Amino acid sequence: MHAHWHDLRAEVGDDLATAVRSDWRRARLGPRTVALLDYAEQLTRAPASAGESDIQRLLEAGWTDRAVHDTTQVVAFFNYINRIAEGLGVDPEPLDP
């Protein structure tokens, strides 16, 4: 079992963790969390489209400047590592059921 999956389940419970893993948009998440995940997905799929209005939307959702900064750093880091793995042909870790 991968540590990150176990940690998520330990934090939110099996049902919510499974729902998030399956389709986070359909999971029962609050609007604040959905706003952050929307931003993370935007940074991953269309980073050039992210801008000040997206940051403002996060601040209006209740996130702090620090949280937005930290989220941006974490998302960028994971995307960077994934691009390296893809570029080198590293097989992804299998997902636990």
N, C-alpha and C. Protein backbone atom coordinates (compact mmCIF):
# COMPACT_ATOMS: atom_id res chain seq x y z
N MET A 1 0.84 -1.18 0.00
CA MET A 1 0.00 0.00 0.00
C MET A 1 0.89 1.24 0.00
N HIS A 2 0.54 2.20 -0.83
CA HIS A 2 1.34 3.41 -0.92
C HIS A 2 1.02 4.34 0.24
N ALA A 3 2.04 4.98 0.75
CA ALA A 3 1.88 5.83 1.92
C ALA A 3 0.87 6.95 1.69
N HIS A 4 0.89 7.59 0.52
CA HIS A 4 -0.01 8.72 0.29
C HIS A 4 -1.47 8.28 0.31
N TRP A 5 -1.78 7.12 -0.22
CA TRP A 5 -3.16 6.61 -0.21
C TRP A 5 -3.58 6.29 1.22
N HIS A 6 -2.70 5.65 1.96
CA HIS A 6 -3.00 5.33 3.36
C HIS A 6 -3.20 6.61 4.16
N ASP A 7 -2.36 7.61 3.96
CA ASP A 7 -2.49 8.86 4.68
C ASP A 7 -3.82 9.54 4.40
N LEU A 8 -4.26 9.54 3.14
CA LEU A 8 -5.53 10.15 2.79
C LEU A 8 -6.68 9.42 3.50
N ARG A 9 -6.64 8.11 3.45
CA ARG A 9 -7.70 7.33 4.12
C ARG A 9 -7.69 7.58 5.61
N ALA A 10 -6.52 7.71 6.21
CA ALA A 10 -6.42 7.96 7.65
C ALA A 10 -6.98 9.33 8.00
N GLU A 11 -6.82 10.28 7.10
CA GLU A 11 -7.29 11.65 7.36
C GLU A 11 -8.79 11.81 7.15
N VAL A 12 -9.34 11.20 6.10
CA VAL A 12 -10.74 11.48 5.74
C VAL A 12 -11.64 10.25 5.77
N GLY A 13 -11.09 9.09 5.97
CA GLY A 13 -11.89 7.86 5.97
C GLY A 13 -11.90 7.21 4.60
N ASP A 14 -12.20 5.91 4.60
CA ASP A 14 -12.16 5.13 3.37
C ASP A 14 -13.14 5.61 2.31
N ASP A 15 -14.37 5.91 2.70
CA ASP A 15 -15.40 6.27 1.73
C ASP A 15 -15.03 7.54 0.96
N LEU A 16 -14.67 8.60 1.67
CA LEU A 16 -14.32 9.85 1.01
C LEU A 16 -13.04 9.71 0.21
N ALA A 17 -12.06 9.00 0.74
CA ALA A 17 -10.80 8.79 0.01
C ALA A 17 -11.06 8.05 -1.30
N THR A 18 -11.91 7.05 -1.26
CA THR A 18 -12.25 6.30 -2.47
C THR A 18 -12.99 7.19 -3.46
N ALA A 19 -13.91 8.01 -2.97
CA ALA A 19 -14.66 8.92 -3.85
C ALA A 19 -13.72 9.94 -4.50
N VAL A 20 -12.79 10.48 -3.73
CA VAL A 20 -11.84 11.45 -4.28
C VAL A 20 -10.96 10.79 -5.32
N ARG A 21 -10.50 9.61 -5.04
CA ARG A 21 -9.64 8.90 -5.98
C ARG A 21 -10.38 8.56 -7.27
N SER A 22 -11.65 8.21 -7.14
CA SER A 22 -12.46 7.85 -8.30
C SER A 22 -12.77 9.08 -9.16
N ASP A 23 -13.27 10.15 -8.54
CA ASP A 23 -13.61 11.37 -9.27
C ASP A 23 -13.84 12.47 -8.24
N TRP A 24 -12.82 13.26 -8.00
CA TRP A 24 -12.91 14.27 -6.93
C TRP A 24 -14.04 15.25 -7.17
N ARG A 25 -14.42 15.48 -8.42
CA ARG A 25 -15.51 16.42 -8.70
C ARG A 25 -16.87 15.90 -8.22
N ARG A 26 -17.00 14.60 -8.10
CA ARG A 26 -18.27 14.02 -7.64
C ARG A 26 -18.25 13.67 -6.15
N ALA A 27 -17.08 13.79 -5.54
CA ALA A 27 -16.97 13.51 -4.10
C ALA A 27 -17.65 14.65 -3.32
N ARG A 28 -18.07 14.34 -2.13
CA ARG A 28 -18.72 15.35 -1.30
C ARG A 28 -17.66 16.22 -0.62
N LEU A 29 -17.20 17.21 -1.37
CA LEU A 29 -16.19 18.14 -0.87
C LEU A 29 -16.81 19.53 -0.77
N GLY A 30 -16.34 20.31 0.16
CA GLY A 30 -16.84 21.66 0.31
C GLY A 30 -16.35 22.57 -0.81
N PRO A 31 -17.01 23.72 -0.98
CA PRO A 31 -16.64 24.64 -2.06
C PRO A 31 -15.22 25.17 -1.94
N ARG A 32 -14.73 25.30 -0.74
CA ARG A 32 -13.36 25.78 -0.52
C ARG A 32 -12.35 24.77 -1.08
N THR A 33 -12.58 23.50 -0.78
CA THR A 33 -11.69 22.44 -1.27
C THR A 33 -11.81 22.29 -2.78
N VAL A 34 -13.02 22.36 -3.30
CA VAL A 34 -13.23 22.25 -4.74
C VAL A 34 -12.49 23.37 -5.47
N ALA A 35 -12.53 24.59 -4.92
CA ALA A 35 -11.82 25.71 -5.54
C ALA A 35 -10.32 25.42 -5.62
N LEU A 36 -9.76 24.85 -4.56
CA LEU A 36 -8.33 24.55 -4.55
C LEU A 36 -7.99 23.44 -5.54
N LEU A 37 -8.83 22.42 -5.60
CA LEU A 37 -8.59 21.33 -6.54
C LEU A 37 -8.78 21.78 -7.99
N ASP A 38 -9.73 22.67 -8.24
CA ASP A 38 -9.88 23.25 -9.58
C ASP A 38 -8.60 23.96 -10.00
N TYR A 39 -8.04 24.73 -9.08
CA TYR A 39 -6.80 25.46 -9.35
C TYR A 39 -5.65 24.49 -9.61
N ALA A 40 -5.55 23.44 -8.79
CA ALA A 40 -4.49 22.45 -8.98
C ALA A 40 -4.61 21.78 -10.34
N GLU A 41 -5.84 21.45 -10.73
CA GLU A 41 -6.04 20.83 -12.04
C GLU A 41 -5.69 21.81 -13.16
N GLN A 42 -6.06 23.06 -13.01
CA GLN A 42 -5.72 24.07 -14.01
C GLN A 42 -4.21 24.20 -14.16
N LEU A 43 -3.49 24.24 -13.05
CA LEU A 43 -2.02 24.32 -13.12
C LEU A 43 -1.42 23.11 -13.82
N THR A 44 -2.07 21.98 -13.69
CA THR A 44 -1.57 20.76 -14.31
C THR A 44 -1.90 20.69 -15.79
N ARG A 45 -3.13 20.98 -16.14
CA ARG A 45 -3.60 20.80 -17.52
C ARG A 45 -3.38 22.01 -18.42
N ALA A 46 -3.46 23.21 -17.86
CA ALA A 46 -3.33 24.43 -18.67
C ALA A 46 -2.64 25.53 -17.87
N PRO A 47 -1.38 25.31 -17.52
CA PRO A 47 -0.71 26.25 -16.62
C PRO A 47 -0.65 27.69 -17.13
N ALA A 48 -0.56 27.87 -18.42
CA ALA A 48 -0.48 29.23 -18.96
C ALA A 48 -1.78 30.00 -18.76
N SER A 49 -2.87 29.30 -18.51
CA SER A 49 -4.15 29.97 -18.33
C SER A 49 -4.36 30.49 -16.90
N ALA A 50 -3.52 30.04 -15.98
CA ALA A 50 -3.67 30.46 -14.58
C ALA A 50 -3.19 31.90 -14.42
N GLY A 51 -3.91 32.65 -13.63
CA GLY A 51 -3.54 34.05 -13.44
C GLY A 51 -4.08 34.63 -12.16
N GLU A 52 -4.00 35.94 -12.09
CA GLU A 52 -4.41 36.66 -10.88
C GLU A 52 -5.87 36.40 -10.51
N SER A 53 -6.74 36.29 -11.49
CA SER A 53 -8.16 36.05 -11.17
C SER A 53 -8.35 34.69 -10.49
N ASP A 54 -7.54 33.72 -10.85
CA ASP A 54 -7.62 32.40 -10.21
C ASP A 54 -7.16 32.47 -8.77
N ILE A 55 -6.11 33.22 -8.53
CA ILE A 55 -5.62 33.41 -7.17
C ILE A 55 -6.65 34.16 -6.34
N GLN A 56 -7.24 35.18 -6.94
CA GLN A 56 -8.27 35.95 -6.25
C GLN A 56 -9.45 35.07 -5.87
N ARG A 57 -9.83 34.17 -6.75
CA ARG A 57 -10.94 33.24 -6.48
C ARG A 57 -10.61 32.37 -5.27
N LEU A 58 -9.34 31.93 -5.15
CA LEU A 58 -8.94 31.13 -4.00
C LEU A 58 -8.98 31.94 -2.71
N LEU A 59 -8.52 33.18 -2.79
CA LEU A 59 -8.55 34.03 -1.61
C LEU A 59 -10.00 34.28 -1.18
N GLU A 60 -10.87 34.50 -2.14
CA GLU A 60 -12.29 34.71 -1.83
C GLU A 60 -12.94 33.44 -1.26
N ALA A 61 -12.40 32.28 -1.62
CA ALA A 61 -12.91 31.01 -1.09
C ALA A 61 -12.43 30.76 0.34
N GLY A 62 -11.51 31.60 0.82
CA GLY A 62 -11.05 31.46 2.20
C GLY A 62 -9.62 30.97 2.36
N TRP A 63 -8.92 30.76 1.26
CA TRP A 63 -7.53 30.33 1.34
C TRP A 63 -6.64 31.54 1.57
N THR A 64 -5.54 31.34 2.26
CA THR A 64 -4.58 32.42 2.52
C THR A 64 -3.56 32.50 1.39
N ASP A 65 -2.85 33.61 1.35
CA ASP A 65 -1.77 33.74 0.38
C ASP A 65 -0.77 32.59 0.53
N ARG A 66 -0.48 32.25 1.77
CA ARG A 66 0.47 31.16 2.04
C ARG A 66 -0.04 29.83 1.49
N ALA A 67 -1.32 29.55 1.69
CA ALA A 67 -1.90 28.30 1.18
C ALA A 67 -1.86 28.25 -0.34
N VAL A 68 -2.14 29.37 -0.98
CA VAL A 68 -2.08 29.43 -2.45
C VAL A 68 -0.65 29.20 -2.91
N HIS A 69 0.28 29.83 -2.25
CA HIS A 69 1.70 29.65 -2.59
C HIS A 69 2.12 28.20 -2.40
N ASP A 70 1.79 27.63 -1.26
CA ASP A 70 2.17 26.24 -0.98
C ASP A 70 1.53 25.28 -1.98
N THR A 71 0.27 25.50 -2.30
CA THR A 71 -0.42 24.66 -3.28
C THR A 71 0.28 24.74 -4.63
N THR A 72 0.60 25.96 -5.05
CA THR A 72 1.27 26.15 -6.34
C THR A 72 2.61 25.42 -6.36
N GLN A 73 3.36 25.50 -5.27
CA GLN A 73 4.65 24.82 -5.18
C GLN A 73 4.50 23.31 -5.26
N VAL A 74 3.55 22.76 -4.52
CA VAL A 74 3.35 21.30 -4.48
C VAL A 74 2.89 20.79 -5.85
N VAL A 75 1.92 21.48 -6.44
CA VAL A 75 1.42 21.06 -7.75
C VAL A 75 2.54 21.13 -8.79
N ALA A 76 3.28 22.21 -8.79
CA ALA A 76 4.38 22.36 -9.75
C ALA A 76 5.44 21.27 -9.55
N PHE A 77 5.76 20.96 -8.30
CA PHE A 77 6.75 19.93 -8.02
C PHE A 77 6.28 18.56 -8.54
N PHE A 78 5.05 18.20 -8.23
CA PHE A 78 4.54 16.90 -8.69
C PHE A 78 4.49 16.84 -10.22
N ASN A 79 4.11 17.93 -10.85
CA ASN A 79 4.10 17.95 -12.31
C ASN A 79 5.52 17.81 -12.87
N TYR A 80 6.46 18.48 -12.25
CA TYR A 80 7.87 18.39 -12.65
C TYR A 80 8.37 16.95 -12.54
N ILE A 81 8.13 16.33 -11.40
CA ILE A 81 8.59 14.95 -11.19
C ILE A 81 7.91 14.00 -12.16
N ASN A 82 6.62 14.20 -12.41
CA ASN A 82 5.92 13.34 -13.37
C ASN A 82 6.48 13.49 -14.77
N ARG A 83 6.84 14.71 -15.17
CA ARG A 83 7.43 14.91 -16.51
C ARG A 83 8.79 14.23 -16.62
N ILE A 84 9.56 14.27 -15.56
CA ILE A 84 10.85 13.57 -15.57
C ILE A 84 10.62 12.07 -15.73
N ALA A 85 9.71 11.52 -14.93
CA ALA A 85 9.42 10.09 -15.01
C ALA A 85 8.94 9.71 -16.41
N GLU A 86 8.04 10.51 -16.97
CA GLU A 86 7.54 10.24 -18.33
C GLU A 86 8.67 10.32 -19.35
N GLY A 87 9.50 11.33 -19.21
CA GLY A 87 10.61 11.52 -20.14
C GLY A 87 11.63 10.40 -20.10
N LEU A 88 11.80 9.80 -18.94
CA LEU A 88 12.76 8.72 -18.77
C LEU A 88 12.13 7.34 -18.91
N GLY A 89 10.82 7.32 -19.12
CA GLY A 89 10.13 6.04 -19.31
C GLY A 89 9.95 5.25 -18.03
N VAL A 90 9.90 5.93 -16.90
CA VAL A 90 9.68 5.24 -15.62
C VAL A 90 8.21 4.86 -15.53
N ASP A 91 7.95 3.60 -15.23
CA ASP A 91 6.57 3.14 -15.09
C ASP A 91 5.99 3.71 -13.81
N PRO A 92 4.72 4.15 -13.88
CA PRO A 92 4.08 4.66 -12.65
C PRO A 92 3.83 3.53 -11.68
N GLU A 93 3.74 3.91 -10.40
CA GLU A 93 3.42 2.93 -9.37
C GLU A 93 1.99 2.47 -9.59
N PRO A 94 1.72 1.20 -9.39
CA PRO A 94 0.33 0.73 -9.53
C PRO A 94 -0.53 1.31 -8.43
N LEU A 95 -1.80 1.59 -8.73
CA LEU A 95 -2.72 2.09 -7.73
C LEU A 95 -3.26 0.93 -6.91
N ASP A 96 -3.42 1.16 -5.63
CA ASP A 96 -4.05 0.15 -4.78
C ASP A 96 -5.53 0.12 -5.08
N PRO A 97 -6.16 -1.03 -4.94
CA PRO A 97 -7.62 -1.09 -5.17
C PRO A 97 -8.39 -0.28 -4.16
